[in-house]
Amino acid sequence: QVQLVESGGGLVQAGGSLRLSCAASGSIFSINDMRWYRQAPGKQRELVAAITDGGNTNYADSVKGRFTISRDNAKNTVYLQMNSLNPEDTAVYYCNADVRLSINVRTRYAYWGQGTQVTVSS
């Protein structure tokens, strides 16, 4: 089984910074894309940032210039550096990874972390 464990969430003042991390463990052959999503109360879950296994990234327009996604393939870990936070960034943040489980089977499965709360006060 594969587990994604997130850490780094918390309460910060507007203008502050947080760094989220998500470490994947378990029976993993390889990981392709890794992503961060967020969901605020009453809103749909939205893609915040994504990174490929080759290091290519993309971001939601609302976080461009403020957030940076990165990964450490040796540690099966994805990070989200969040700067210049504002109250609109308040949400539960989820990591997501496309995981290949076996050298013999090419199918990739999407796994999700449990979510970590980020609260930004004004």
N, C-alpha and C. Protein backbone atom coordinates (compact mmCIF):
# COMPACT_ATOMS: atom_id res chain seq x y z
N GLN A 1 0.83 -1.19 0.00
CA GLN A 1 0.00 0.00 0.00
C GLN A 1 0.88 1.24 0.00
N VAL A 2 0.30 2.33 -0.48
CA VAL A 2 0.99 3.60 -0.58
C VAL A 2 0.32 4.60 0.34
N GLN A 3 1.13 5.34 1.06
CA GLN A 3 0.64 6.40 1.91
C GLN A 3 1.32 7.71 1.55
N LEU A 4 0.55 8.79 1.56
CA LEU A 4 1.06 10.13 1.41
C LEU A 4 0.79 10.87 2.70
N VAL A 5 1.83 11.35 3.33
CA VAL A 5 1.71 12.02 4.62
C VAL A 5 2.16 13.47 4.47
N GLU A 6 1.25 14.38 4.77
CA GLU A 6 1.50 15.80 4.65
C GLU A 6 1.89 16.40 6.00
N SER A 7 2.65 17.47 5.93
CA SER A 7 3.01 18.20 7.13
C SER A 7 3.28 19.65 6.75
N GLY A 8 3.29 20.51 7.75
CA GLY A 8 3.67 21.90 7.54
C GLY A 8 2.53 22.90 7.59
N GLY A 9 1.30 22.43 7.65
CA GLY A 9 0.18 23.34 7.74
C GLY A 9 0.12 24.02 9.09
N GLY A 10 -0.71 25.04 9.17
CA GLY A 10 -0.85 25.76 10.42
C GLY A 10 -1.50 27.10 10.23
N LEU A 11 -1.37 27.94 11.24
CA LEU A 11 -1.95 29.27 11.26
C LEU A 11 -0.85 30.31 11.10
N VAL A 12 -1.02 31.21 10.15
CA VAL A 12 -0.06 32.28 9.92
C VAL A 12 -0.79 33.59 9.68
N GLN A 13 -0.07 34.67 9.89
CA GLN A 13 -0.60 35.99 9.59
C GLN A 13 -0.48 36.29 8.10
N ALA A 14 -1.35 37.14 7.60
CA ALA A 14 -1.26 37.57 6.22
C ALA A 14 0.13 38.13 5.93
N GLY A 15 0.67 37.76 4.79
CA GLY A 15 2.01 38.16 4.42
C GLY A 15 3.08 37.17 4.83
N GLY A 16 2.71 36.19 5.63
CA GLY A 16 3.66 35.20 6.10
C GLY A 16 3.87 34.08 5.11
N SER A 17 4.64 33.09 5.55
CA SER A 17 5.02 31.98 4.70
C SER A 17 4.83 30.65 5.41
N LEU A 18 4.58 29.62 4.64
CA LEU A 18 4.54 28.26 5.12
C LEU A 18 5.16 27.36 4.06
N ARG A 19 5.73 26.27 4.51
CA ARG A 19 6.25 25.26 3.61
C ARG A 19 5.59 23.93 3.91
N LEU A 20 4.83 23.44 2.96
CA LEU A 20 4.18 22.15 3.09
C LEU A 20 5.07 21.06 2.49
N SER A 21 5.01 19.89 3.07
CA SER A 21 5.70 18.74 2.51
C SER A 21 4.76 17.55 2.49
N CYS A 22 5.02 16.65 1.58
CA CYS A 22 4.22 15.44 1.44
C CYS A 22 5.16 14.32 1.03
N ALA A 23 5.29 13.33 1.89
CA ALA A 23 6.18 12.21 1.64
C ALA A 23 5.38 10.96 1.31
N ALA A 24 5.73 10.33 0.21
CA ALA A 24 5.09 9.09 -0.20
C ALA A 24 5.92 7.91 0.26
N SER A 25 5.25 6.88 0.75
CA SER A 25 5.94 5.68 1.19
C SER A 25 5.09 4.47 0.85
N GLY A 26 5.71 3.30 0.91
CA GLY A 26 5.02 2.06 0.62
C GLY A 26 5.60 1.37 -0.59
N SER A 27 4.76 0.56 -1.22
CA SER A 27 5.18 -0.22 -2.38
C SER A 27 5.11 0.66 -3.62
N ILE A 28 6.21 1.32 -3.91
CA ILE A 28 6.29 2.29 -5.00
C ILE A 28 7.37 1.87 -5.97
N PHE A 29 6.99 1.74 -7.22
CA PHE A 29 7.99 1.52 -8.26
C PHE A 29 8.48 2.86 -8.81
N SER A 30 7.55 3.75 -9.09
CA SER A 30 7.91 5.07 -9.57
C SER A 30 6.73 6.01 -9.36
N ILE A 31 7.03 7.30 -9.35
CA ILE A 31 6.01 8.33 -9.24
C ILE A 31 6.14 9.27 -10.43
N ASN A 32 5.03 9.50 -11.09
CA ASN A 32 5.02 10.42 -12.21
C ASN A 32 4.70 11.83 -11.69
N ASP A 33 3.53 12.36 -12.01
CA ASP A 33 3.19 13.70 -11.56
C ASP A 33 2.87 13.74 -10.08
N MET A 34 3.21 14.84 -9.44
CA MET A 34 2.81 15.12 -8.08
C MET A 34 2.15 16.50 -8.08
N ARG A 35 1.11 16.64 -7.28
CA ARG A 35 0.30 17.84 -7.32
C ARG A 35 -0.14 18.26 -5.93
N TRP A 36 -0.44 19.53 -5.80
CA TRP A 36 -1.09 20.08 -4.64
C TRP A 36 -2.44 20.64 -5.04
N TYR A 37 -3.47 20.26 -4.31
CA TYR A 37 -4.81 20.79 -4.44
C TYR A 37 -5.18 21.51 -3.14
N ARG A 38 -6.22 22.32 -3.22
CA ARG A 38 -6.77 22.89 -2.01
C ARG A 38 -8.28 23.00 -2.13
N GLN A 39 -8.93 23.00 -0.99
CA GLN A 39 -10.38 23.12 -0.96
C GLN A 39 -10.79 23.97 0.23
N ALA A 40 -11.45 25.07 -0.07
CA ALA A 40 -11.99 25.94 0.95
C ALA A 40 -13.45 25.59 1.18
N PRO A 41 -14.00 25.90 2.35
CA PRO A 41 -15.40 25.59 2.62
C PRO A 41 -16.33 26.17 1.57
N GLY A 42 -17.24 25.35 1.08
CA GLY A 42 -18.21 25.79 0.10
C GLY A 42 -17.68 25.90 -1.31
N LYS A 43 -16.44 25.54 -1.55
CA LYS A 43 -15.85 25.64 -2.86
C LYS A 43 -15.36 24.27 -3.33
N GLN A 44 -15.22 24.15 -4.64
CA GLN A 44 -14.69 22.92 -5.21
C GLN A 44 -13.19 22.83 -4.98
N ARG A 45 -12.71 21.61 -4.94
CA ARG A 45 -11.28 21.40 -4.86
C ARG A 45 -10.61 21.89 -6.14
N GLU A 46 -9.54 22.64 -6.00
CA GLU A 46 -8.86 23.21 -7.15
C GLU A 46 -7.39 22.83 -7.15
N LEU A 47 -6.86 22.72 -8.34
CA LEU A 47 -5.44 22.45 -8.50
C LEU A 47 -4.65 23.71 -8.22
N VAL A 48 -3.67 23.60 -7.34
CA VAL A 48 -2.82 24.71 -6.98
C VAL A 48 -1.53 24.70 -7.79
N ALA A 49 -0.87 23.55 -7.82
CA ALA A 49 0.40 23.43 -8.50
C ALA A 49 0.65 21.98 -8.84
N ALA A 50 1.43 21.76 -9.88
CA ALA A 50 1.78 20.41 -10.30
C ALA A 50 3.22 20.38 -10.76
N ILE A 51 3.83 19.22 -10.62
CA ILE A 51 5.21 19.04 -11.05
C ILE A 51 5.36 17.63 -11.61
N THR A 52 6.03 17.52 -12.75
CA THR A 52 6.26 16.23 -13.37
C THR A 52 7.51 15.59 -12.78
N ASP A 53 7.72 14.33 -13.16
CA ASP A 53 8.92 13.66 -12.67
C ASP A 53 10.18 14.29 -13.24
N GLY A 54 10.05 15.01 -14.34
CA GLY A 54 11.18 15.72 -14.92
C GLY A 54 11.38 17.13 -14.41
N GLY A 55 10.49 17.58 -13.51
CA GLY A 55 10.66 18.89 -12.91
C GLY A 55 9.90 20.02 -13.56
N ASN A 56 9.09 19.74 -14.57
CA ASN A 56 8.25 20.78 -15.16
C ASN A 56 7.10 21.12 -14.23
N THR A 57 6.78 22.39 -14.13
CA THR A 57 5.78 22.86 -13.17
C THR A 57 4.71 23.68 -13.85
N ASN A 58 3.54 23.73 -13.21
CA ASN A 58 2.51 24.68 -13.57
C ASN A 58 1.75 25.08 -12.33
N TYR A 59 1.13 26.27 -12.37
CA TYR A 59 0.50 26.85 -11.20
C TYR A 59 -0.85 27.45 -11.56
N ALA A 60 -1.73 27.46 -10.59
CA ALA A 60 -2.94 28.24 -10.73
C ALA A 60 -2.58 29.72 -10.80
N ASP A 61 -3.36 30.47 -11.58
CA ASP A 61 -3.07 31.89 -11.73
C ASP A 61 -3.05 32.63 -10.39
N SER A 62 -3.87 32.19 -9.46
CA SER A 62 -3.99 32.88 -8.19
C SER A 62 -2.75 32.76 -7.31
N VAL A 63 -1.87 31.82 -7.61
CA VAL A 63 -0.69 31.62 -6.76
C VAL A 63 0.62 31.85 -7.50
N LYS A 64 0.56 32.14 -8.78
CA LYS A 64 1.79 32.37 -9.54
C LYS A 64 2.58 33.52 -8.94
N GLY A 65 3.86 33.31 -8.81
CA GLY A 65 4.73 34.31 -8.23
C GLY A 65 4.81 34.26 -6.72
N ARG A 66 3.93 33.52 -6.08
CA ARG A 66 3.92 33.42 -4.62
C ARG A 66 4.26 32.02 -4.13
N PHE A 67 3.80 31.00 -4.85
CA PHE A 67 4.01 29.61 -4.45
C PHE A 67 5.04 28.96 -5.36
N THR A 68 5.78 28.02 -4.81
CA THR A 68 6.75 27.26 -5.58
C THR A 68 6.62 25.78 -5.22
N ILE A 69 6.41 24.95 -6.22
CA ILE A 69 6.36 23.51 -6.01
C ILE A 69 7.71 22.92 -6.39
N SER A 70 8.16 21.95 -5.63
CA SER A 70 9.41 21.26 -5.91
C SER A 70 9.30 19.83 -5.42
N ARG A 71 10.27 19.02 -5.79
CA ARG A 71 10.24 17.62 -5.36
C ARG A 71 11.64 17.10 -5.18
N ASP A 72 11.75 16.10 -4.34
CA ASP A 72 12.98 15.38 -4.11
C ASP A 72 12.69 13.93 -4.43
N ASN A 73 13.08 13.50 -5.61
CA ASN A 73 12.73 12.16 -6.05
C ASN A 73 13.38 11.07 -5.20
N ALA A 74 14.56 11.35 -4.66
CA ALA A 74 15.22 10.37 -3.80
C ALA A 74 14.43 10.12 -2.53
N LYS A 75 13.66 11.11 -2.10
CA LYS A 75 12.86 10.99 -0.88
C LYS A 75 11.38 10.78 -1.16
N ASN A 76 10.99 10.71 -2.43
CA ASN A 76 9.58 10.60 -2.81
C ASN A 76 8.74 11.67 -2.12
N THR A 77 9.24 12.87 -2.14
CA THR A 77 8.61 13.96 -1.41
C THR A 77 8.38 15.16 -2.33
N VAL A 78 7.22 15.79 -2.17
CA VAL A 78 6.89 17.01 -2.88
C VAL A 78 6.69 18.11 -1.86
N TYR A 79 7.09 19.33 -2.21
CA TYR A 79 7.02 20.47 -1.33
C TYR A 79 6.19 21.58 -1.98
N LEU A 80 5.63 22.41 -1.15
CA LEU A 80 4.97 23.61 -1.62
C LEU A 80 5.39 24.76 -0.72
N GLN A 81 6.24 25.63 -1.24
CA GLN A 81 6.65 26.83 -0.53
C GLN A 81 5.63 27.92 -0.82
N MET A 82 5.00 28.44 0.21
CA MET A 82 3.95 29.42 0.06
C MET A 82 4.40 30.72 0.72
N ASN A 83 4.54 31.76 -0.07
CA ASN A 83 4.94 33.07 0.41
C ASN A 83 3.82 34.07 0.17
N SER A 84 3.92 35.20 0.86
CA SER A 84 2.95 36.28 0.71
C SER A 84 1.53 35.77 0.84
N LEU A 85 1.29 34.99 1.85
CA LEU A 85 -0.03 34.38 2.04
C LEU A 85 -1.07 35.44 2.38
N ASN A 86 -2.27 35.21 1.92
CA ASN A 86 -3.40 36.08 2.23
C ASN A 86 -4.58 35.22 2.67
N PRO A 87 -5.59 35.83 3.27
CA PRO A 87 -6.71 35.02 3.77
C PRO A 87 -7.40 34.17 2.71
N GLU A 88 -7.34 34.57 1.46
CA GLU A 88 -7.94 33.79 0.39
C GLU A 88 -7.23 32.45 0.17
N ASP A 89 -6.05 32.30 0.73
CA ASP A 89 -5.33 31.04 0.64
C ASP A 89 -5.77 30.03 1.69
N THR A 90 -6.62 30.44 2.60
CA THR A 90 -7.09 29.54 3.64
C THR A 90 -7.87 28.39 3.03
N ALA A 91 -7.45 27.17 3.34
CA ALA A 91 -8.07 25.98 2.77
C ALA A 91 -7.41 24.75 3.37
N VAL A 92 -8.00 23.60 3.11
CA VAL A 92 -7.32 22.34 3.34
C VAL A 92 -6.52 22.00 2.10
N TYR A 93 -5.25 21.75 2.28
CA TYR A 93 -4.36 21.45 1.17
C TYR A 93 -4.09 19.96 1.11
N TYR A 94 -4.24 19.39 -0.07
CA TYR A 94 -4.06 17.96 -0.30
C TYR A 94 -2.95 17.72 -1.30
N CYS A 95 -2.11 16.75 -1.04
CA CYS A 95 -1.15 16.33 -2.05
C CYS A 95 -1.69 15.11 -2.78
N ASN A 96 -1.23 14.96 -3.99
CA ASN A 96 -1.70 13.91 -4.88
C ASN A 96 -0.52 13.43 -5.70
N ALA A 97 -0.46 12.12 -5.93
CA ALA A 97 0.63 11.56 -6.72
C ALA A 97 0.13 10.42 -7.58
N ASP A 98 0.64 10.35 -8.79
CA ASP A 98 0.37 9.23 -9.69
C ASP A 98 1.49 8.22 -9.52
N VAL A 99 1.14 7.03 -9.02
CA VAL A 99 2.12 6.06 -8.57
C VAL A 99 2.02 4.78 -9.39
N ARG A 100 3.14 4.32 -9.87
CA ARG A 100 3.24 3.00 -10.46
C ARG A 100 3.71 2.05 -9.38
N LEU A 101 3.02 0.94 -9.23
CA LEU A 101 3.24 0.05 -8.10
C LEU A 101 4.19 -1.11 -8.40
N SER A 102 4.34 -1.47 -9.65
CA SER A 102 5.06 -2.70 -9.98
C SER A 102 5.90 -2.52 -11.22
N ILE A 103 7.02 -3.22 -11.25
CA ILE A 103 7.84 -3.23 -12.44
C ILE A 103 7.15 -3.96 -13.58
N ASN A 104 6.19 -4.83 -13.25
CA ASN A 104 5.50 -5.65 -14.24
C ASN A 104 4.21 -5.05 -14.77
N VAL A 105 3.64 -4.08 -14.07
CA VAL A 105 2.36 -3.49 -14.44
C VAL A 105 2.55 -2.00 -14.60
N ARG A 106 2.17 -1.48 -15.75
CA ARG A 106 2.44 -0.08 -16.07
C ARG A 106 1.37 0.87 -15.55
N THR A 107 0.24 0.34 -15.08
CA THR A 107 -0.85 1.17 -14.61
C THR A 107 -0.41 2.07 -13.46
N ARG A 108 -0.82 3.33 -13.51
CA ARG A 108 -0.57 4.27 -12.44
C ARG A 108 -1.87 4.57 -11.70
N TYR A 109 -1.77 4.71 -10.40
CA TYR A 109 -2.92 4.99 -9.55
C TYR A 109 -2.71 6.32 -8.84
N ALA A 110 -3.81 7.04 -8.70
CA ALA A 110 -3.78 8.31 -7.99
C ALA A 110 -3.96 8.08 -6.50
N TYR A 111 -3.03 8.59 -5.70
CA TYR A 111 -3.11 8.53 -4.26
C TYR A 111 -3.19 9.93 -3.69
N TRP A 112 -3.88 10.04 -2.58
CA TRP A 112 -4.11 11.33 -1.93
C TRP A 112 -3.64 11.32 -0.50
N GLY A 113 -3.11 12.44 -0.07
CA GLY A 113 -2.83 12.64 1.33
C GLY A 113 -4.09 12.94 2.11
N GLN A 114 -3.97 13.01 3.41
CA GLN A 114 -5.12 13.21 4.27
C GLN A 114 -5.57 14.67 4.33
N GLY A 115 -4.76 15.57 3.86
CA GLY A 115 -5.05 16.98 3.90
C GLY A 115 -4.46 17.65 5.13
N THR A 116 -4.03 18.88 4.96
CA THR A 116 -3.50 19.66 6.06
C THR A 116 -4.10 21.06 5.99
N GLN A 117 -4.52 21.56 7.13
CA GLN A 117 -5.21 22.85 7.19
C GLN A 117 -4.21 23.99 7.15
N VAL A 118 -4.47 24.94 6.27
CA VAL A 118 -3.72 26.19 6.22
C VAL A 118 -4.71 27.32 6.49
N THR A 119 -4.44 28.09 7.52
CA THR A 119 -5.30 29.20 7.89
C THR A 119 -4.47 30.48 7.92
N VAL A 120 -4.91 31.48 7.18
CA VAL A 120 -4.21 32.75 7.10
C VAL A 120 -5.11 33.83 7.68
N SER A 121 -4.66 34.46 8.73
CA SER A 121 -5.43 35.50 9.39
C SER A 121 -5.03 36.87 8.88
N SER A 122 -5.96 37.80 8.90
CA SER A 122 -5.71 39.15 8.44
C SER A 122 -5.16 40.02 9.55
